[in-house]
């Protein structure tokens, strides 16, 4: 059966950086308080004029270059984001235009917050299995700074902006590409992680609100469960996984999930110290970093996992 194989990766972080010490001048906090609770040292903040689609295009161009293909070779563009440029048209359509891709390419957004990239991978893989014979560009891009309350030190210190992208290509090699995906959701927990507004409720975007302790507990169990589901379905043990690439939310969550799975931190890709929680962008950012520094190599088995507001959560098993 045809699978979608990753043939290129790319990422982008805005020029402006905001360190923990910089944040201490904005809210009552300090480097020790932030780092001890999150593992974050730095985050990147988009310029006022810089949109989610702008960042997505930068990451996309690097992924296309890595894959060795041209924009008009694409059959689809899927953007995972919870911070779109506009309510409509989709950020993906804006990316299509900025890349100069012709109208033989589909383009749409997926909104599953921090799980968005995993959801988008699953969706793209579904199109390939249904017969899509052209490459698909999958992007996670977020301007989280635009929905933060900069007076709330419990949330504003955690998030940053950025984008990551992969190019997927159909392959008939059954042991390569996206082997399986495992997606879940529970709207019953919406109050734990949400924004305070929306187009149909308040006609505003609102600000991010989070019940940190409750989210932490749910996240560890949910993400470990999704990873176990992926391993069990494919008869794998933790020792069979070369790299766990988690959503870069919080070092404590990542470490607790790895411990619950019996996986050593030496096999976990962690980059959040440099860019904070970039929501749907965090997994492709981490993946691109690990590909470019040589940790992730062809033939390795990767497990991607995430959890986001909704709640949504899931995992993707990939033979790179």
Protein backbone atom coordinates (compact mmCIF):
# COMPACT_ATOMS: atom_id res chain seq x y z
CA UNK A 1 0.00 0.00 0.00
CA UNK A 2 1.22 3.51 -0.83
CA UNK A 3 2.56 5.59 2.06
CA UNK A 4 3.58 9.22 2.34
CA UNK A 5 7.34 9.53 2.81
CA UNK A 6 9.14 12.62 4.14
CA UNK A 7 11.61 13.81 1.48
CA UNK A 8 12.38 17.30 2.79
CA UNK A 9 12.23 19.38 5.97
CA UNK A 10 12.49 23.08 6.75
CA UNK A 11 11.93 25.54 9.58
CA UNK A 12 11.90 29.24 10.38
CA UNK A 13 12.20 31.30 13.55
CA UNK A 14 11.66 35.08 13.64
CA UNK A 15 14.69 37.33 14.09
CA UNK A 16 13.55 38.93 17.35
CA UNK A 17 14.39 36.91 20.44
CA UNK A 18 12.99 37.23 23.94
CA UNK A 19 15.08 35.67 26.70
CA UNK A 20 13.93 34.88 30.21
CA UNK A 21 15.85 37.91 31.43
CA UNK A 22 14.04 40.07 28.87
CA UNK A 23 10.71 38.74 30.16
CA UNK A 24 11.65 39.69 33.72
CA UNK A 25 11.38 43.32 32.60
CA UNK A 26 7.80 42.75 31.38
CA UNK A 27 6.24 40.57 34.11
CA UNK A 28 7.18 39.54 37.64
CA UNK A 29 9.44 36.57 36.91
CA UNK A 30 13.07 35.59 36.47
CA UNK A 31 15.21 33.11 34.56
CA UNK A 32 15.35 30.55 37.38
CA UNK A 33 11.56 30.54 37.87
CA UNK A 34 10.85 30.05 34.15
CA UNK A 35 13.58 27.53 33.39
CA UNK A 36 12.92 25.35 36.45
CA UNK A 37 9.25 25.03 35.52
CA UNK A 38 9.47 24.75 31.76
CA UNK A 39 13.01 24.16 30.50
CA UNK A 40 12.69 27.25 28.31
CA UNK A 41 15.51 29.79 28.03
CA UNK A 42 14.49 31.72 24.95
CA UNK A 43 11.68 32.26 22.47
CA UNK A 44 11.35 34.01 19.11
CA UNK A 45 8.70 36.69 18.56
CA UNK A 46 7.38 37.64 15.13
CA UNK A 47 7.54 41.27 14.07
CA UNK A 48 4.26 43.19 14.16
CA UNK A 49 3.94 43.02 10.37
CA UNK A 50 5.05 39.35 10.19
CA UNK A 51 2.12 36.97 9.74
CA UNK A 52 1.70 33.23 10.20
CA UNK A 53 1.69 32.77 6.42
CA UNK A 54 4.95 34.73 6.13
CA UNK A 55 6.65 32.36 8.56
CA UNK A 56 5.05 29.33 6.89
CA UNK A 57 6.43 30.38 3.51
CA UNK A 58 9.96 30.70 4.90
CA UNK A 59 9.83 27.18 6.33
CA UNK A 60 8.18 25.86 3.16
CA UNK A 61 10.90 27.21 0.89
CA UNK A 62 13.58 25.45 2.94
CA UNK A 63 11.60 22.18 2.89
CA UNK A 64 11.10 22.40 -0.89
CA UNK A 65 14.81 23.09 -1.38
CA UNK A 66 15.65 20.13 0.87
CA UNK A 67 13.30 17.91 -1.14
CA UNK A 68 14.70 19.12 -4.46
CA UNK A 69 11.32 20.03 -5.92
CA UNK A 70 9.68 23.20 -7.23
CA UNK A 71 6.49 24.78 -5.81
CA UNK A 72 4.47 23.85 -8.89
CA UNK A 73 5.33 20.18 -8.35
CA UNK A 74 3.00 20.21 -5.33
CA UNK A 75 -0.42 18.62 -5.33
CA UNK A 76 -1.43 19.99 -1.94
CA UNK A 77 -0.60 22.38 0.89
CA UNK A 78 -1.90 21.73 4.41
CA UNK A 79 -1.19 24.27 7.15
CA UNK A 80 -1.72 23.38 10.79
CA UNK A 81 -2.30 26.59 12.76
CA UNK A 82 -4.44 28.05 15.50
CA UNK A 83 -3.29 31.61 14.69
CA UNK A 84 -4.31 32.15 11.04
CA UNK A 85 -3.69 35.43 9.25
CA UNK A 86 -7.44 35.81 8.71
CA UNK A 87 -10.61 33.93 9.59
CA UNK A 88 -10.70 33.26 5.85
CA UNK A 89 -9.22 32.63 3.36
CA UNK A 90 -7.11 29.85 4.80
CA UNK A 91 -3.49 30.44 5.67
CA UNK A 92 -2.68 27.58 3.29
CA UNK A 93 -4.28 29.47 0.38
CA UNK A 94 -2.18 32.52 1.25
CA UNK A 95 0.93 30.31 1.33
CA UNK A 96 -0.02 28.88 -2.07
CA UNK A 97 -0.20 32.39 -3.51
CA UNK A 98 3.06 33.55 -1.92
CA UNK A 99 4.89 30.48 -3.21
CA UNK A 100 3.46 31.05 -6.69
CA UNK A 101 1.83 27.61 -6.88
CA UNK A 102 -0.77 27.24 -9.65
CA UNK A 103 -4.40 26.28 -9.07
CA UNK A 104 -3.79 22.56 -9.68
CA UNK A 105 -2.90 22.38 -5.97
CA UNK A 106 -5.37 22.00 -3.10
CA UNK A 107 -4.81 24.16 -0.01
CA UNK A 108 -6.52 24.17 3.39
CA UNK A 109 -5.88 24.63 7.12
CA UNK A 110 -6.22 22.23 10.05
CA UNK A 111 -6.90 23.53 13.56
CA UNK A 112 -6.02 21.09 16.32
CA UNK A 113 -3.78 23.51 18.26
CA UNK A 114 -0.55 21.83 19.41
CA UNK A 115 -1.59 18.49 17.86
CA UNK A 116 -2.19 20.18 14.52
CA UNK A 117 0.95 18.95 12.79
CA UNK A 118 0.24 15.30 13.68
CA UNK A 119 -3.34 15.73 12.49
CA UNK A 120 -2.07 17.32 9.26
CA UNK A 121 0.38 14.45 8.66
CA UNK A 122 -2.43 11.93 9.11
CA UNK A 123 -4.63 13.89 6.69
CA UNK A 124 -1.89 14.14 4.05
CA UNK A 125 -1.16 10.42 4.40
CA UNK A 126 -4.85 9.75 3.83
CA UNK A 127 -4.78 11.70 0.57
CA UNK A 128 -1.75 9.72 -0.58
CA UNK A 129 -3.40 6.41 0.27
CA UNK A 130 -6.50 7.57 -1.63
CA UNK A 131 -4.44 8.11 -4.79
CA UNK A 132 -2.79 11.55 -4.62
CA UNK A 133 0.27 11.13 -6.83
CA UNK A 134 1.92 14.51 -6.26
CA UNK A 135 3.96 15.76 -3.29
CA UNK A 136 2.12 17.42 -0.39
CA UNK A 137 3.57 20.25 1.66
CA UNK A 138 2.62 20.02 5.35
CA UNK A 139 3.36 23.03 7.54
CA UNK A 140 2.93 23.85 11.21
CA UNK A 141 3.04 27.62 11.76
CA UNK A 142 2.04 29.80 14.68
CA UNK A 143 2.16 33.42 15.84
CA UNK A 144 1.34 32.57 19.44
CA UNK A 145 2.51 35.98 20.63
CA UNK A 146 -0.63 37.45 19.06
CA UNK A 147 -2.97 35.62 21.47
CA UNK A 148 -0.99 35.92 24.70
CA UNK A 149 -1.89 38.04 27.69
CA UNK A 150 1.50 39.63 28.37
CA UNK A 151 0.44 40.40 31.95
CA UNK A 152 -0.10 36.70 32.74
CA UNK A 153 3.28 35.24 33.70
CA UNK A 154 1.90 31.71 33.87
CA UNK A 155 1.30 31.65 30.09
CA UNK A 156 3.28 34.40 28.35
CA UNK A 157 6.62 32.89 29.40
CA UNK A 158 5.87 29.56 27.72
CA UNK A 159 5.10 30.40 24.11
CA UNK A 160 6.91 31.62 21.01
CA UNK A 161 6.45 32.00 17.27
CA UNK A 162 7.79 29.97 14.36
CA UNK A 163 7.11 27.52 11.57
CA UNK A 164 8.22 24.08 10.44
CA UNK A 165 7.46 22.17 7.26
CA UNK A 166 7.88 18.80 5.56
CA UNK A 167 7.39 17.64 1.99
CA UNK A 168 5.66 14.28 1.65
CA UNK A 169 5.95 12.12 -1.45
CA UNK A 170 4.07 8.91 -2.29
CA UNK A 171 6.12 5.73 -1.97
CA UNK A 172 5.19 2.11 -2.66
CA UNK A 173 7.80 0.91 -0.17
CA UNK A 174 5.64 -0.44 2.67
CA UNK A 175 8.40 -0.10 5.24
CA UNK A 176 9.06 3.58 4.54
CA UNK A 177 7.12 6.74 5.26
CA UNK A 178 4.21 7.24 7.63
CA UNK A 179 3.49 3.77 8.97
CA UNK A 180 0.54 4.64 11.20
CA UNK A 181 -1.16 7.60 12.88
CA UNK A 182 -3.27 7.65 16.04
CA UNK A 183 -5.55 10.62 16.72
CA UNK A 184 -7.80 11.43 19.68
CA UNK A 185 -9.88 14.29 21.07
CA UNK A 186 -11.99 15.16 24.09
CA UNK A 187 -13.96 18.39 24.07
CA UNK A 188 -15.05 17.70 27.65
CA UNK A 189 -11.79 19.30 28.81
CA UNK A 190 -12.07 22.49 26.77
CA UNK A 191 -12.00 24.75 29.84
CA UNK A 192 -8.52 23.60 30.79
CA UNK A 193 -6.81 25.04 27.71
CA UNK A 194 -8.60 27.56 25.51
CA UNK A 195 -8.77 31.15 24.32
CA UNK A 196 -11.13 33.66 25.89
CA UNK A 197 -12.71 34.61 22.57
CA UNK A 198 -13.64 33.59 19.06
CA UNK A 199 -15.45 34.88 15.95
CA UNK A 200 -18.90 33.46 16.78
CA UNK A 201 -18.80 34.04 20.55
CA UNK A 202 -17.05 37.34 21.24
CA UNK A 203 -16.03 38.55 17.75
CA UNK A 204 -12.46 38.73 19.07
CA UNK A 205 -9.52 36.34 19.10
CA UNK A 206 -9.23 36.46 22.89
CA UNK A 207 -6.21 35.42 24.94
CA UNK A 208 -4.80 32.00 25.74
CA UNK A 209 -5.93 30.62 29.10
CA UNK A 210 -4.54 27.47 30.72
CA UNK A 211 -4.98 25.47 33.90
CA UNK A 212 -1.35 24.41 33.99
CA UNK A 213 -1.39 21.70 36.63
CA UNK A 214 -4.43 19.93 35.16
CA UNK A 215 -3.04 20.16 31.63
CA UNK A 216 0.27 18.67 32.79
CA UNK A 217 -1.40 15.60 34.31
CA UNK A 218 -3.59 14.97 31.28
CA UNK A 219 -0.76 15.57 28.80
CA UNK A 220 1.60 12.97 30.24
CA UNK A 221 -1.02 10.22 30.27
CA UNK A 222 -2.48 11.15 26.88
CA UNK A 223 0.78 11.37 24.99
CA UNK A 224 2.23 8.24 26.57
CA UNK A 225 -1.00 6.42 25.69
CA UNK A 226 -0.85 7.50 22.05
CA UNK A 227 2.78 6.42 21.76
CA UNK A 228 2.01 3.03 23.31
CA UNK A 229 -0.92 2.65 20.91
CA UNK A 230 1.42 3.23 17.96
CA UNK A 231 4.00 0.76 19.28
CA UNK A 232 1.44 -1.91 20.15
CA UNK A 233 -0.27 -1.70 16.75
CA UNK A 234 3.07 -2.17 15.02
CA UNK A 235 4.51 -4.74 17.50
CA UNK A 236 7.35 -2.47 18.56
CA UNK A 237 9.18 -1.96 21.84
CA UNK A 238 10.72 1.30 23.07
CA UNK A 239 14.12 -0.07 22.04
CA UNK A 240 12.90 -0.21 18.42
CA UNK A 241 12.37 3.56 18.35
CA UNK A 242 15.40 5.60 17.27
CA UNK A 243 13.94 9.00 18.17
CA UNK A 244 10.92 10.24 20.08
CA UNK A 245 10.08 13.71 18.74
CA UNK A 246 7.48 15.23 21.07
CA UNK A 247 5.53 18.44 21.00
CA UNK A 248 7.88 20.96 22.58
CA UNK A 249 5.62 22.22 25.35
CA UNK A 250 7.44 21.81 28.62
CA UNK A 251 10.57 19.90 29.63
CA UNK A 252 8.80 18.38 32.64
CA UNK A 253 6.04 16.98 30.43
CA UNK A 254 8.57 15.62 27.94
CA UNK A 255 10.72 14.01 30.65
CA UNK A 256 7.72 12.55 32.48
CA UNK A 257 6.32 11.09 29.25
CA UNK A 258 9.67 9.53 28.32
CA UNK A 259 9.98 8.04 31.82
CA UNK A 260 6.45 6.63 31.62
CA UNK A 261 7.40 4.95 28.33
CA UNK A 262 10.74 3.71 29.58
CA UNK A 263 12.64 5.71 26.96
CA UNK A 264 15.96 7.38 27.84
CA UNK A 265 16.20 11.13 27.26
CA UNK A 266 19.17 10.43 24.97
CA UNK A 267 16.59 9.22 22.42
CA UNK A 268 14.32 12.26 22.76
CA UNK A 269 14.68 15.32 20.53
CA UNK A 270 14.20 18.42 22.68
CA UNK A 271 14.58 21.94 21.28
CA UNK A 272 12.11 23.98 23.32
CA UNK A 273 14.87 25.63 25.35
CA UNK A 274 15.63 27.73 22.25
CA UNK A 275 12.12 28.56 21.02
CA UNK A 276 9.53 27.75 23.68
CA UNK A 277 6.15 26.25 22.90
CA UNK A 278 5.36 27.04 19.27
CA UNK A 279 2.18 24.93 19.24
CA UNK A 280 1.65 23.24 15.84
CA UNK A 281 5.10 24.40 14.68
CA UNK A 282 7.03 22.68 17.46
CA UNK A 283 7.29 19.11 16.11
CA UNK A 284 8.41 20.07 12.59
CA UNK A 285 10.84 22.60 14.10
CA UNK A 286 12.37 19.86 16.25
CA UNK A 287 12.38 17.38 13.36
CA UNK A 288 14.14 19.80 11.01
CA UNK A 289 16.72 20.62 13.68
CA UNK A 290 17.49 16.93 14.23
CA UNK A 291 17.66 16.21 10.49
CA UNK A 292 20.04 19.08 9.83
CA UNK A 293 22.36 18.32 12.74
CA UNK A 294 22.58 14.67 11.68
CA UNK A 295 20.74 12.98 14.52
CA UNK A 296 17.84 11.84 12.34
CA UNK A 297 19.02 9.77 9.39
CA UNK A 298 17.35 7.75 6.61
CA UNK A 299 16.11 4.36 7.76
CA UNK A 300 15.51 5.39 11.35
CA UNK A 301 12.20 4.88 13.16
CA UNK A 302 10.62 8.05 14.54
CA UNK A 303 7.69 8.52 16.89
CA UNK A 304 6.03 11.93 16.90
CA UNK A 305 3.53 12.81 19.64
CA UNK A 306 1.58 15.85 20.77
CA UNK A 307 -1.31 17.15 22.83
CA UNK A 308 -3.14 20.45 22.46
CA UNK A 309 -6.20 22.42 23.49
CA UNK A 310 -9.51 20.78 22.89
CA UNK A 311 -8.13 18.44 24.11
CA UNK A 312 -6.60 16.87 21.02
CA UNK A 313 -3.71 14.43 21.05
CA UNK A 314 -2.04 11.85 18.88
CA UNK A 315 1.06 10.12 17.57
CA UNK A 316 2.62 9.27 14.23
CA UNK A 317 5.03 6.41 13.59
CA UNK A 318 7.41 7.16 10.72
CA UNK A 319 10.21 5.31 8.97
CA UNK A 320 12.36 8.19 7.88
